[in-house]
N, C-alpha and C. Protein backbone atom coordinates (compact mmCIF):
# COMPACT_ATOMS: atom_id res chain seq x y z
N MET A 1 -20.06 22.10 31.68
CA MET A 1 -19.74 22.26 30.71
C MET A 1 -17.75 23.09 30.83
N VAL A 2 -17.14 22.62 30.32
CA VAL A 2 -15.86 22.58 29.97
C VAL A 2 -15.15 23.61 29.30
N LEU A 3 -14.52 24.23 29.90
CA LEU A 3 -13.32 25.58 29.18
C LEU A 3 -12.66 24.48 28.30
N ALA A 4 -11.65 25.54 27.74
CA ALA A 4 -10.64 25.14 26.79
C ALA A 4 -9.54 24.74 27.25
N ASP A 5 -9.53 25.52 28.42
CA ASP A 5 -8.44 24.95 29.63
C ASP A 5 -8.71 23.62 30.88
N GLY A 6 -9.70 23.65 30.23
CA GLY A 6 -10.02 22.73 31.32
C GLY A 6 -10.30 22.41 32.74
N THR A 7 -11.25 23.61 32.53
CA THR A 7 -11.90 24.01 33.86
C THR A 7 -13.23 24.37 33.37
N GLU A 8 -13.91 23.75 34.84
CA GLU A 8 -15.15 23.20 34.57
C GLU A 8 -16.27 24.26 35.48
N ILE A 9 -17.03 24.65 34.42
CA ILE A 9 -18.20 25.39 34.61
C ILE A 9 -19.82 24.69 34.81
N ARG A 10 -19.44 24.58 36.62
CA ARG A 10 -20.35 23.22 37.56
C ARG A 10 -21.49 23.53 36.87
N SER A 11 -21.93 25.05 36.55
CA SER A 11 -23.37 25.50 36.92
C SER A 11 -24.27 25.16 35.87
N VAL A 12 -23.33 24.88 34.80
CA VAL A 12 -23.69 24.06 33.78
C VAL A 12 -24.32 22.73 33.25
N VAL A 13 -25.44 22.81 33.41
CA VAL A 13 -24.97 21.46 33.72
C VAL A 13 -26.34 20.65 31.92
N GLN A 14 -25.24 19.25 31.91
CA GLN A 14 -27.01 18.49 31.21
C GLN A 14 -28.10 18.03 31.80
N LEU A 15 -29.41 18.15 31.93
CA LEU A 15 -30.37 18.42 33.00
C LEU A 15 -30.72 16.24 33.17
N ASN A 16 -31.11 16.10 31.98
CA ASN A 16 -31.16 14.24 31.83
C ASN A 16 -29.42 13.74 32.56
N GLN A 17 -28.95 14.39 32.75
CA GLN A 17 -27.77 13.74 34.02
C GLN A 17 -28.05 14.05 34.90
N VAL A 18 -28.31 15.15 35.34
CA VAL A 18 -28.40 15.40 36.90
C VAL A 18 -29.94 15.49 37.70
N ILE A 19 -31.31 14.57 36.80
CA ILE A 19 -32.55 14.72 37.55
C ILE A 19 -32.93 13.19 36.88
N ASP A 20 -33.87 12.80 37.80
CA ASP A 20 -34.16 11.52 38.63
C ASP A 20 -35.67 11.67 38.91
N HIS A 21 -36.32 11.93 37.82
CA HIS A 21 -37.52 12.43 38.33
C HIS A 21 -38.61 11.50 37.33
N PRO A 22 -39.77 10.36 38.64
CA PRO A 22 -40.61 9.65 37.36
C PRO A 22 -41.89 10.45 36.52
N ARG A 23 -41.90 12.11 36.85
CA ARG A 23 -42.77 12.17 36.12
C ARG A 23 -42.09 13.26 35.13
N MET A 24 -40.82 13.35 34.89
CA MET A 24 -40.19 14.36 33.63
C MET A 24 -39.55 13.18 32.96
N GLU A 25 -39.79 13.88 31.87
CA GLU A 25 -38.57 13.44 29.97
C GLU A 25 -38.05 13.64 29.87
N ILE A 26 -36.70 14.02 29.70
CA ILE A 26 -35.75 14.94 29.52
C ILE A 26 -34.72 14.75 28.14
N GLY A 27 -34.75 15.69 26.59
CA GLY A 27 -33.86 14.65 25.81
C GLY A 27 -32.10 14.85 25.46
N ASP A 28 -32.00 13.89 25.04
CA ASP A 28 -30.69 14.46 26.03
C ASP A 28 -29.62 15.80 25.16
N PHE A 29 -28.86 16.77 26.03
CA PHE A 29 -28.26 17.73 25.38
C PHE A 29 -28.90 18.86 25.69
N THR A 30 -30.13 18.47 26.30
CA THR A 30 -31.17 19.89 26.61
C THR A 30 -29.52 20.50 28.55
N TYR A 31 -29.83 21.91 27.83
CA TYR A 31 -28.96 22.31 29.47
C TYR A 31 -29.33 24.02 29.88
N PHE A 32 -28.86 23.51 31.01
CA PHE A 32 -29.38 24.23 32.33
C PHE A 32 -28.46 25.21 32.60
N GLY A 33 -28.66 26.43 32.67
CA GLY A 33 -27.00 27.24 33.07
C GLY A 33 -27.67 28.27 33.59
N HIS A 34 -27.66 27.71 35.36
CA HIS A 34 -28.06 28.56 36.14
C HIS A 34 -26.70 29.42 36.90
N LEU A 35 -27.00 30.02 37.79
CA LEU A 35 -25.68 31.18 37.65
C LEU A 35 -24.71 30.48 39.94
N GLU A 36 -25.78 29.39 39.48
CA GLU A 36 -24.78 28.88 40.90
C GLU A 36 -25.26 27.33 41.07
N GLU A 37 -24.40 26.76 41.46
CA GLU A 37 -24.59 24.46 41.38
C GLU A 37 -25.94 24.60 42.66
N LEU A 38 -26.59 23.50 42.08
CA LEU A 38 -27.69 23.57 42.57
C LEU A 38 -28.01 22.03 43.46
N ASP A 39 -28.45 21.37 44.69
CA ASP A 39 -28.60 19.92 44.77
C ASP A 39 -29.72 19.50 43.93
N ASP A 40 -30.92 20.06 44.18
CA ASP A 40 -31.94 19.85 43.44
C ASP A 40 -32.48 20.39 42.17
N TYR A 41 -32.12 19.71 41.52
CA TYR A 41 -32.41 20.77 39.55
C TYR A 41 -34.09 20.75 39.55
N ALA A 42 -34.26 19.37 40.06
CA ALA A 42 -35.56 19.64 39.39
C ALA A 42 -36.45 20.07 40.53
N GLY A 43 -36.14 19.94 41.68
CA GLY A 43 -37.08 21.11 43.15
C GLY A 43 -36.79 22.30 42.42
N PHE A 44 -35.61 22.03 42.00
CA PHE A 44 -35.98 23.61 41.07
C PHE A 44 -36.87 24.20 39.79
N LEU A 45 -36.14 23.99 39.01
CA LEU A 45 -37.43 23.78 38.04
C LEU A 45 -38.90 23.86 37.40
N ALA A 46 -38.72 22.78 38.70
CA ALA A 46 -39.85 22.66 38.49
C ALA A 46 -40.76 21.91 39.94
N PRO A 47 -41.15 22.90 41.01
CA PRO A 47 -41.13 22.80 42.28
C PRO A 47 -42.04 22.85 42.44
N PHE A 48 -43.39 22.09 41.23
CA PHE A 48 -44.89 21.96 41.84
C PHE A 48 -45.56 20.36 41.28
N LEU A 49 -43.76 20.24 40.96
CA LEU A 49 -44.00 18.66 39.77
C LEU A 49 -44.01 17.21 41.22
N PHE A 50 -44.27 16.59 41.60
CA PHE A 50 -43.85 15.47 42.60
C PHE A 50 -43.94 14.20 41.92
N PRO A 51 -44.10 13.42 42.41
CA PRO A 51 -43.48 11.93 42.44
C PRO A 51 -45.27 11.63 41.66
N LEU A 52 -46.30 12.15 42.90
CA LEU A 52 -47.75 11.40 42.55
C LEU A 52 -48.31 12.41 41.62
N SER A 53 -47.41 13.26 40.88
CA SER A 53 -48.45 13.99 40.54
C SER A 53 -49.15 13.82 38.80
N PRO A 54 -50.04 13.41 38.80
CA PRO A 54 -50.64 13.52 37.13
C PRO A 54 -50.62 13.60 36.28
N GLU A 55 -49.53 14.65 35.79
CA GLU A 55 -49.00 15.41 34.95
C GLU A 55 -47.48 15.06 34.57
N ARG A 56 -47.07 15.08 33.62
CA ARG A 56 -45.66 15.63 33.23
C ARG A 56 -45.14 16.50 32.46
N LEU A 57 -43.73 17.00 33.01
CA LEU A 57 -43.32 17.34 32.24
C LEU A 57 -42.36 16.57 31.46
N VAL A 58 -42.48 17.15 30.08
CA VAL A 58 -42.18 16.90 28.83
C VAL A 58 -41.13 17.69 28.13
N ILE A 59 -39.52 17.95 27.89
CA ILE A 59 -38.94 18.69 27.94
C ILE A 59 -37.55 18.43 26.22
N GLY A 60 -37.58 18.46 25.09
CA GLY A 60 -37.62 18.03 23.88
C GLY A 60 -35.25 18.16 23.94
N LYS A 61 -34.94 17.83 22.72
CA LYS A 61 -34.08 17.41 22.70
C LYS A 61 -33.27 18.85 22.62
N PHE A 62 -31.58 19.24 22.56
CA PHE A 62 -30.96 20.54 23.33
C PHE A 62 -31.44 21.82 22.75
N CYS A 63 -32.01 21.39 24.15
CA CYS A 63 -32.24 22.85 24.55
C CYS A 63 -32.15 23.12 25.71
N GLN A 64 -31.90 24.64 25.52
CA GLN A 64 -31.03 25.97 26.32
C GLN A 64 -32.20 26.24 27.21
N ILE A 65 -32.18 26.37 28.41
CA ILE A 65 -32.51 26.88 29.88
C ILE A 65 -31.48 27.53 30.73
N ALA A 66 -32.28 29.07 30.64
CA ALA A 66 -31.32 29.92 31.32
C ALA A 66 -31.46 30.65 32.44
N HIS A 67 -31.21 30.77 33.72
CA HIS A 67 -30.91 30.83 34.72
C HIS A 67 -31.64 31.43 35.43
N GLY A 68 -32.62 30.94 36.13
CA GLY A 68 -33.98 31.46 36.82
C GLY A 68 -35.34 30.74 36.16
N VAL A 69 -34.90 30.06 34.93
CA VAL A 69 -36.22 29.76 34.95
C VAL A 69 -36.97 28.94 35.55
N ARG A 70 -37.97 28.53 35.38
CA ARG A 70 -39.56 28.09 36.94
C ARG A 70 -40.72 27.38 35.56
N LEU A 71 -40.89 26.66 35.38
CA LEU A 71 -41.56 25.57 34.98
C LEU A 71 -42.69 25.07 36.00
N ILE A 72 -44.31 25.98 36.01
CA ILE A 72 -44.78 25.84 37.15
C ILE A 72 -45.99 24.95 36.58
N THR A 73 -46.06 23.44 36.82
CA THR A 73 -46.59 22.12 36.02
C THR A 73 -47.58 22.86 36.82
N SER A 74 -48.93 21.63 36.39
CA SER A 74 -50.34 21.86 36.52
C SER A 74 -50.73 20.83 38.02
N SER A 75 -49.91 20.50 39.16
CA SER A 75 -49.96 20.52 40.48
C SER A 75 -49.78 21.11 41.23
N ALA A 76 -49.35 23.15 40.52
CA ALA A 76 -49.10 23.83 41.43
C ALA A 76 -50.51 24.99 41.59
N ASN A 77 -52.26 23.97 40.41
CA ASN A 77 -53.07 25.01 40.56
C ASN A 77 -54.05 24.47 41.82
N HIS A 78 -54.68 25.56 42.49
CA HIS A 78 -55.36 25.22 43.16
C HIS A 78 -56.64 25.09 42.77
N ASN A 79 -58.20 24.30 43.99
CA ASN A 79 -59.45 24.88 43.58
C ASN A 79 -59.85 25.98 43.50
N MET A 80 -60.33 26.13 42.06
CA MET A 80 -61.34 26.90 41.68
C MET A 80 -62.53 26.68 41.43
N SER A 81 -62.89 26.13 41.83
CA SER A 81 -64.98 25.25 41.43
C SER A 81 -65.63 25.90 42.87
N GLY A 82 -65.22 26.48 43.73
CA GLY A 82 -65.43 26.31 45.26
C GLY A 82 -65.71 28.55 45.59
N PHE A 83 -66.43 28.42 46.51
CA PHE A 83 -65.84 29.95 46.64
C PHE A 83 -64.74 30.00 47.54
N SER A 84 -63.71 28.85 48.38
CA SER A 84 -62.34 29.90 48.62
C SER A 84 -61.54 28.73 47.91
N THR A 85 -60.11 29.39 47.19
CA THR A 85 -58.98 28.21 46.49
C THR A 85 -58.40 27.45 47.53
N TYR A 86 -57.95 28.32 49.07
CA TYR A 86 -57.36 27.72 49.83
C TYR A 86 -57.00 26.17 50.37
N PRO A 87 -56.72 25.90 49.84
CA PRO A 87 -55.37 23.85 49.95
C PRO A 87 -55.61 23.42 51.25
N PHE A 88 -57.31 23.40 52.03
CA PHE A 88 -56.99 22.93 53.44
C PHE A 88 -56.34 21.49 53.16
N ASN A 89 -56.31 20.69 52.27
CA ASN A 89 -55.88 19.59 52.38
C ASN A 89 -54.21 19.72 52.28
N ASN A 90 -53.47 20.52 51.95
CA ASN A 90 -52.45 20.18 52.07
C ASN A 90 -51.56 20.47 53.35
N PHE A 91 -52.85 20.13 54.02
CA PHE A 91 -52.61 20.27 55.88
C PHE A 91 -53.19 19.36 56.68
N THR A 92 -53.26 18.37 55.99
CA THR A 92 -54.05 17.48 56.20
C THR A 92 -53.67 16.05 55.87
N MET A 93 -52.38 16.78 55.44
CA MET A 93 -51.94 15.68 54.33
C MET A 93 -51.43 13.94 55.54
N HIS A 94 -51.26 14.44 56.51
CA HIS A 94 -50.35 14.03 57.83
C HIS A 94 -51.83 12.56 58.17
N GLU A 95 -53.01 12.79 57.83
CA GLU A 95 -54.69 12.06 58.51
C GLU A 95 -54.48 11.36 56.93
N ARG A 96 -54.00 10.83 55.98
CA ARG A 96 -54.18 10.33 54.85
C ARG A 96 -53.24 9.35 54.73
N THR A 97 -53.87 8.25 54.20
CA THR A 97 -52.52 7.03 55.01
C THR A 97 -52.28 6.15 53.50
N THR A 98 -53.29 6.42 52.42
CA THR A 98 -52.65 5.22 51.42
C THR A 98 -51.96 5.88 50.59
N PRO A 99 -51.30 5.95 49.28
CA PRO A 99 -51.34 7.36 48.38
C PRO A 99 -51.90 7.19 47.69
N GLU A 100 -53.37 6.36 47.29
CA GLU A 100 -54.41 6.56 46.48
C GLU A 100 -55.08 8.14 47.17
N ASP A 101 -54.88 8.14 48.91
CA ASP A 101 -55.57 9.00 49.34
C ASP A 101 -55.02 10.33 49.25
N ILE A 102 -53.50 10.14 49.24
CA ILE A 102 -52.87 11.40 48.61
C ILE A 102 -53.16 11.52 46.60
N GLN A 103 -53.11 10.91 45.67
CA GLN A 103 -53.63 11.54 44.50
C GLN A 103 -55.18 12.03 44.53
N ALA A 104 -56.10 11.64 45.10
CA ALA A 104 -57.42 12.55 45.48
C ALA A 104 -56.89 14.17 45.84
N MET A 105 -55.46 14.13 46.71
CA MET A 105 -55.60 15.32 46.05
C MET A 105 -55.17 16.31 45.12
N PHE A 106 -54.96 15.67 43.84
CA PHE A 106 -54.18 16.41 42.67
C PHE A 106 -55.47 16.08 41.31
N ASP A 107 -56.83 15.58 42.17
CA ASP A 107 -58.04 15.43 40.73
C ASP A 107 -59.04 16.87 41.11
N ILE A 108 -58.19 17.55 40.90
CA ILE A 108 -59.20 18.50 41.08
C ILE A 108 -59.83 19.90 39.67
N PRO A 109 -61.94 20.10 39.33
CA PRO A 109 -61.46 20.31 38.38
C PRO A 109 -60.57 21.76 37.41
N GLY A 110 -60.47 21.04 35.90
CA GLY A 110 -59.70 22.79 35.19
C GLY A 110 -58.10 22.11 35.25
N ARG A 111 -58.47 20.95 35.60
CA ARG A 111 -56.65 20.99 35.80
C ARG A 111 -56.02 21.24 33.70
N LYS A 112 -54.82 21.43 33.87
CA LYS A 112 -54.35 21.89 32.34
C LYS A 112 -53.49 20.64 31.79
N GLY A 113 -53.03 19.91 32.38
CA GLY A 113 -52.23 18.52 31.77
C GLY A 113 -51.24 18.84 31.85
N ASP A 114 -50.23 18.21 31.13
CA ASP A 114 -49.00 18.01 31.24
C ASP A 114 -48.24 19.70 30.33
N THR A 115 -47.15 19.61 30.67
CA THR A 115 -45.51 20.90 30.41
C THR A 115 -44.91 20.62 28.92
N VAL A 116 -45.04 20.82 27.76
CA VAL A 116 -44.35 20.01 27.18
C VAL A 116 -43.57 20.74 26.09
N ILE A 117 -42.33 21.16 26.44
CA ILE A 117 -41.24 22.39 25.62
C ILE A 117 -40.62 21.06 24.23
N GLY A 118 -40.45 21.35 23.60
CA GLY A 118 -40.13 21.02 22.19
C GLY A 118 -38.58 20.79 22.25
N ASN A 119 -38.03 20.61 21.29
CA ASN A 119 -36.55 20.61 20.80
C ASN A 119 -35.99 22.27 19.89
N ASP A 120 -35.15 22.06 20.58
CA ASP A 120 -33.60 23.23 19.89
C ASP A 120 -34.78 24.59 20.56
N VAL A 121 -35.53 24.84 21.45
CA VAL A 121 -36.19 25.66 22.05
C VAL A 121 -35.09 26.32 23.41
N TRP A 122 -35.28 27.78 23.04
CA TRP A 122 -34.30 28.64 23.89
C TRP A 122 -35.22 29.46 24.93
N ILE A 123 -34.92 29.43 26.16
CA ILE A 123 -35.96 29.77 27.31
C ILE A 123 -34.86 30.86 28.15
N GLY A 124 -35.42 31.96 27.61
CA GLY A 124 -34.10 33.34 28.40
C GLY A 124 -34.45 33.21 30.51
N MET A 125 -33.90 34.31 30.54
CA MET A 125 -32.88 34.05 31.64
C MET A 125 -34.93 34.49 32.75
N GLU A 126 -35.33 33.77 34.14
CA GLU A 126 -36.05 33.57 34.57
C GLU A 126 -37.76 33.92 34.24
N ALA A 127 -37.34 32.95 32.78
CA ALA A 127 -38.55 33.34 32.51
C ALA A 127 -39.56 32.79 33.00
N VAL A 128 -41.12 32.75 33.75
CA VAL A 128 -41.63 31.76 34.00
C VAL A 128 -42.69 30.84 32.74
N VAL A 129 -43.11 29.63 32.87
CA VAL A 129 -44.32 28.29 32.09
C VAL A 129 -45.11 27.66 32.65
N MET A 130 -45.93 28.67 32.44
CA MET A 130 -46.99 28.24 33.71
C MET A 130 -48.11 26.59 32.93
N PRO A 131 -48.77 26.17 33.52
CA PRO A 131 -49.22 24.93 33.30
C PRO A 131 -49.82 25.13 32.39
N GLY A 132 -49.76 23.36 31.98
CA GLY A 132 -50.22 22.77 30.44
C GLY A 132 -50.04 23.38 29.50
N VAL A 133 -48.49 24.40 28.80
CA VAL A 133 -48.47 25.13 28.01
C VAL A 133 -47.14 24.18 27.08
N THR A 134 -47.78 24.10 26.27
CA THR A 134 -46.91 23.17 25.00
C THR A 134 -46.03 24.36 24.50
N ILE A 135 -44.52 23.97 24.29
CA ILE A 135 -43.60 25.27 23.42
C ILE A 135 -42.97 24.83 22.33
N GLY A 136 -44.04 24.48 21.44
CA GLY A 136 -42.60 24.34 20.60
C GLY A 136 -41.91 23.68 19.75
N ASP A 137 -41.05 23.35 18.90
CA ASP A 137 -39.91 23.88 18.22
C ASP A 137 -39.34 24.34 18.24
N GLY A 138 -38.53 25.07 18.13
CA GLY A 138 -37.23 26.53 17.95
C GLY A 138 -38.07 27.03 18.36
N ALA A 139 -38.05 27.30 19.28
CA ALA A 139 -39.20 29.01 19.89
C ALA A 139 -37.59 29.65 20.87
N ILE A 140 -38.54 30.46 20.80
CA ILE A 140 -37.44 31.86 21.68
C ILE A 140 -38.28 32.17 22.80
N ILE A 141 -38.20 32.22 23.91
CA ILE A 141 -38.70 32.50 24.89
C ILE A 141 -37.89 34.15 25.27
N GLY A 142 -38.53 34.73 25.39
CA GLY A 142 -37.33 36.04 26.19
C GLY A 142 -37.70 35.83 27.44
N ALA A 143 -36.70 36.98 28.00
CA ALA A 143 -36.02 36.67 29.90
C ALA A 143 -37.45 36.79 30.15
N ARG A 144 -37.82 36.85 31.47
CA ARG A 144 -38.65 37.09 32.67
C ARG A 144 -39.86 37.50 31.40
N SER A 145 -40.02 36.28 30.66
CA SER A 145 -41.38 36.36 30.32
C SER A 145 -42.23 35.04 31.25
N VAL A 146 -43.90 35.77 31.05
CA VAL A 146 -44.27 34.48 31.16
C VAL A 146 -45.15 33.87 30.51
N VAL A 147 -44.91 32.94 29.98
CA VAL A 147 -45.65 31.85 29.57
C VAL A 147 -46.68 31.11 29.84
N ALA A 148 -48.43 31.78 29.37
CA ALA A 148 -49.51 31.71 29.46
C ALA A 148 -50.37 30.62 28.39
N LYS A 149 -49.60 30.50 27.83
CA LYS A 149 -50.26 29.50 26.04
C LYS A 149 -49.19 29.57 25.56
N ASP A 150 -49.89 28.13 24.77
CA ASP A 150 -49.13 27.19 23.75
C ASP A 150 -47.74 28.46 22.73
N VAL A 151 -47.19 28.17 22.52
CA VAL A 151 -45.86 28.99 21.90
C VAL A 151 -46.07 27.91 20.45
N ALA A 152 -45.89 28.78 19.15
CA ALA A 152 -45.78 28.11 18.27
C ALA A 152 -44.64 27.46 17.94
N PRO A 153 -44.41 26.94 17.03
CA PRO A 153 -42.71 26.38 16.37
C PRO A 153 -41.91 27.54 15.91
N TYR A 154 -41.16 28.13 16.03
CA TYR A 154 -40.17 28.61 15.94
C TYR A 154 -40.47 30.12 15.63
N THR A 155 -41.48 30.41 16.74
CA THR A 155 -41.77 31.63 16.79
C THR A 155 -41.10 32.28 18.60
N ILE A 156 -40.89 34.03 18.55
CA ILE A 156 -40.52 34.35 19.32
C ILE A 156 -41.25 34.84 20.00
N VAL A 157 -41.48 34.97 21.18
CA VAL A 157 -42.44 35.76 22.20
C VAL A 157 -41.46 36.17 23.16
N ALA A 158 -42.61 37.23 23.96
CA ALA A 158 -41.79 38.17 25.51
C ALA A 158 -43.03 39.06 25.83
N GLY A 159 -42.56 39.15 27.45
CA GLY A 159 -43.74 39.77 28.33
C GLY A 159 -44.41 38.71 29.08
N ASN A 160 -45.13 39.75 29.70
CA ASN A 160 -46.41 39.32 30.58
C ASN A 160 -47.69 39.41 30.22
N PRO A 161 -48.37 38.65 30.31
CA PRO A 161 -48.07 37.39 29.56
C PRO A 161 -46.89 38.04 28.52
N ALA A 162 -46.56 36.47 27.44
CA ALA A 162 -45.45 36.63 26.59
C ALA A 162 -46.31 36.71 25.14
N GLN A 163 -46.49 37.34 24.56
CA GLN A 163 -47.03 37.86 23.25
C GLN A 163 -46.13 37.62 22.17
N CYS A 164 -46.70 37.06 20.68
CA CYS A 164 -45.91 36.72 19.78
C CYS A 164 -44.83 37.90 19.36
N VAL A 165 -43.25 37.73 19.43
CA VAL A 165 -42.69 39.07 18.53
C VAL A 165 -42.61 38.62 17.19
N LYS A 166 -42.16 37.76 16.53
CA LYS A 166 -42.61 37.21 15.38
C LYS A 166 -41.86 35.58 15.13
N ARG A 167 -42.71 35.42 14.01
CA ARG A 167 -41.99 34.02 13.26
C ARG A 167 -40.27 34.24 12.85
N ARG A 168 -39.15 33.00 12.98
CA ARG A 168 -37.96 33.53 12.96
C ARG A 168 -37.75 32.90 11.41
N PHE A 169 -38.83 32.37 11.09
CA PHE A 169 -38.83 31.61 9.34
C PHE A 169 -39.93 31.94 8.75
N ASP A 170 -39.90 32.09 7.43
CA ASP A 170 -41.55 32.34 7.18
C ASP A 170 -42.10 30.48 6.62
N GLU A 171 -43.50 30.27 6.73
CA GLU A 171 -44.09 29.59 6.97
C GLU A 171 -43.40 28.23 6.56
N GLU A 172 -43.42 28.37 5.29
CA GLU A 172 -42.45 27.34 4.52
C GLU A 172 -41.20 26.74 4.79
N THR A 173 -40.11 28.23 4.85
CA THR A 173 -39.11 27.17 6.21
C THR A 173 -39.17 26.45 6.97
N ILE A 174 -40.00 27.18 8.08
CA ILE A 174 -40.42 26.50 9.31
C ILE A 174 -40.88 24.79 9.29
N GLN A 175 -41.59 24.25 8.26
CA GLN A 175 -41.89 23.10 7.80
C GLN A 175 -41.20 21.95 7.56
N VAL A 176 -40.26 22.72 6.37
CA VAL A 176 -39.16 21.95 6.15
C VAL A 176 -37.64 21.76 7.40
N LEU A 177 -38.01 22.47 8.32
CA LEU A 177 -36.74 22.55 9.57
C LEU A 177 -38.06 21.40 10.41
N LEU A 178 -39.50 21.87 10.26
CA LEU A 178 -39.63 20.51 11.48
C LEU A 178 -39.95 19.60 9.94
N GLU A 179 -39.86 19.10 9.04
CA GLU A 179 -39.51 17.83 8.62
C GLU A 179 -38.08 17.34 8.43
N ILE A 180 -37.59 17.94 8.84
CA ILE A 180 -35.55 17.78 9.07
C ILE A 180 -35.32 16.83 10.27
N CYS A 181 -35.96 18.13 11.06
CA CYS A 181 -35.92 17.24 12.75
C CYS A 181 -34.53 17.26 13.03
N TRP A 182 -33.61 17.73 12.64
CA TRP A 182 -31.90 17.48 12.63
C TRP A 182 -31.65 17.22 14.15
N TRP A 183 -32.31 17.26 15.24
CA TRP A 183 -32.50 17.09 16.34
C TRP A 183 -32.41 15.52 17.02
N ASN A 184 -32.81 14.59 15.51
CA ASN A 184 -32.85 13.46 15.94
C ASN A 184 -32.24 12.47 14.67
N TRP A 185 -31.04 13.21 14.13
CA TRP A 185 -30.01 13.12 13.48
C TRP A 185 -29.19 12.61 14.51
N PRO A 186 -28.86 11.13 14.15
CA PRO A 186 -27.38 10.76 15.18
C PRO A 186 -26.48 11.54 15.66
N VAL A 187 -25.70 11.44 16.63
CA VAL A 187 -24.60 12.47 17.14
C VAL A 187 -23.91 12.55 16.38
N GLU A 188 -23.16 12.09 15.69
CA GLU A 188 -22.12 12.16 14.36
C GLU A 188 -22.28 12.84 13.41
N ARG A 189 -23.97 12.65 12.86
CA ARG A 189 -23.93 13.84 11.50
C ARG A 189 -24.17 15.49 12.10
N ILE A 190 -24.77 14.76 13.54
CA ILE A 190 -25.11 16.60 14.05
C ILE A 190 -23.49 17.65 14.06
N GLU A 191 -22.74 15.95 14.83
CA GLU A 191 -21.52 16.55 14.87
C GLU A 191 -20.23 17.46 13.53
N ALA A 192 -20.71 16.30 12.69
CA ALA A 192 -20.15 16.75 11.05
C ALA A 192 -21.00 17.89 10.54
N ASN A 193 -21.63 18.24 11.26
CA ASN A 193 -22.60 19.31 10.29
C ASN A 193 -23.34 20.23 10.52
N VAL A 194 -22.40 20.83 12.07
CA VAL A 194 -22.85 21.76 13.06
C VAL A 194 -23.01 23.07 12.59
N ASP A 195 -21.79 24.01 11.52
CA ASP A 195 -22.12 24.42 10.53
C ASP A 195 -22.84 24.87 9.61
N ALA A 196 -24.10 23.82 9.18
CA ALA A 196 -25.89 24.26 8.39
C ALA A 196 -26.24 24.32 9.24
N ILE A 197 -25.80 23.45 10.91
CA ILE A 197 -27.06 23.06 11.25
C ILE A 197 -27.67 24.90 12.42
N VAL A 198 -26.08 25.46 12.22
CA VAL A 198 -26.73 27.08 13.04
C VAL A 198 -26.33 27.65 12.33
N GLY A 199 -26.18 27.77 10.70
CA GLY A 199 -26.11 28.56 9.96
C GLY A 199 -27.84 28.45 8.74
N CYS A 200 -28.06 29.02 8.32
CA CYS A 200 -28.75 29.32 7.63
C CYS A 200 -29.48 29.56 6.00
N ASP A 201 -28.80 28.13 5.36
CA ASP A 201 -28.66 27.00 4.83
C ASP A 201 -29.49 26.10 4.05
N LEU A 202 -30.37 26.40 3.78
CA LEU A 202 -31.73 25.71 4.24
C LEU A 202 -31.28 24.59 3.10
N ASP A 203 -30.57 24.55 1.70
CA ASP A 203 -30.84 24.39 0.88
C ASP A 203 -29.79 23.04 0.98
N ALA A 204 -28.39 23.49 1.50
CA ALA A 204 -27.49 22.59 2.34
C ALA A 204 -27.98 21.53 3.07
N LEU A 205 -28.96 22.34 4.65
CA LEU A 205 -29.71 21.32 5.60
C LEU A 205 -30.46 20.26 4.84
N LYS A 206 -31.40 20.43 3.64
CA LYS A 206 -32.08 19.26 3.53
C LYS A 206 -31.07 18.81 2.73
N GLN A 207 -30.31 19.22 1.92
CA GLN A 207 -29.34 18.02 1.46
C GLN A 207 -28.10 16.38 2.48
N ILE A 208 -28.29 18.00 3.50
CA ILE A 208 -27.28 16.42 4.56
C ILE A 208 -28.68 15.45 5.39
N ASP A 209 -29.53 16.17 5.28
CA ASP A 209 -31.00 15.41 5.57
C ASP A 209 -30.77 13.85 4.76
N GLN A 210 -31.26 14.40 3.00
CA GLN A 210 -31.71 13.67 2.13
C GLN A 210 -30.53 12.23 2.02
N ALA A 211 -29.31 12.84 2.20
CA ALA A 211 -27.96 11.68 1.81
C ALA A 211 -27.86 10.65 2.29
């Protein structure tokens, strides 16, 4: 981020410009506003997502991710099908000789699958998103929330475990917003209509979309 006087705020980064990870898909203009520069943004945000992990982390466009957020993906899970959850295999990896051997370590019962964050989602400071969660477009996650289940589009959740505080708009408005998908407009159209996007005149937004 660059201030009006040219000062660079190097701790605010567009994530798909600083992350190159085979199991992550990050949309344009999604940013992470941490309070310090990091050497490994992927490793901080999703510390248990490995190149051989079977799950993916998918983050949409124009998301706003605050300081300290952690995305706990499915490869963090321990096997709970037996008497002990201790990950003995983690400490015998040096004995495994092929990628297939390592891959087999991830094949545990009850896997949660991909973690998916929609477009224009705001995730507050130090929130934690648990494995396999889907967060809908336009949702807001309160600071220090623990999100353990799916969040509907344009819903505000908070707490541990995160619970619905309210829907941001009525159901009809939400459906129209999901149909418009302004985040998929060409960049030039978005730049020309920022006031309508951050405003609350649905008719104006619909007219722009239909132009």
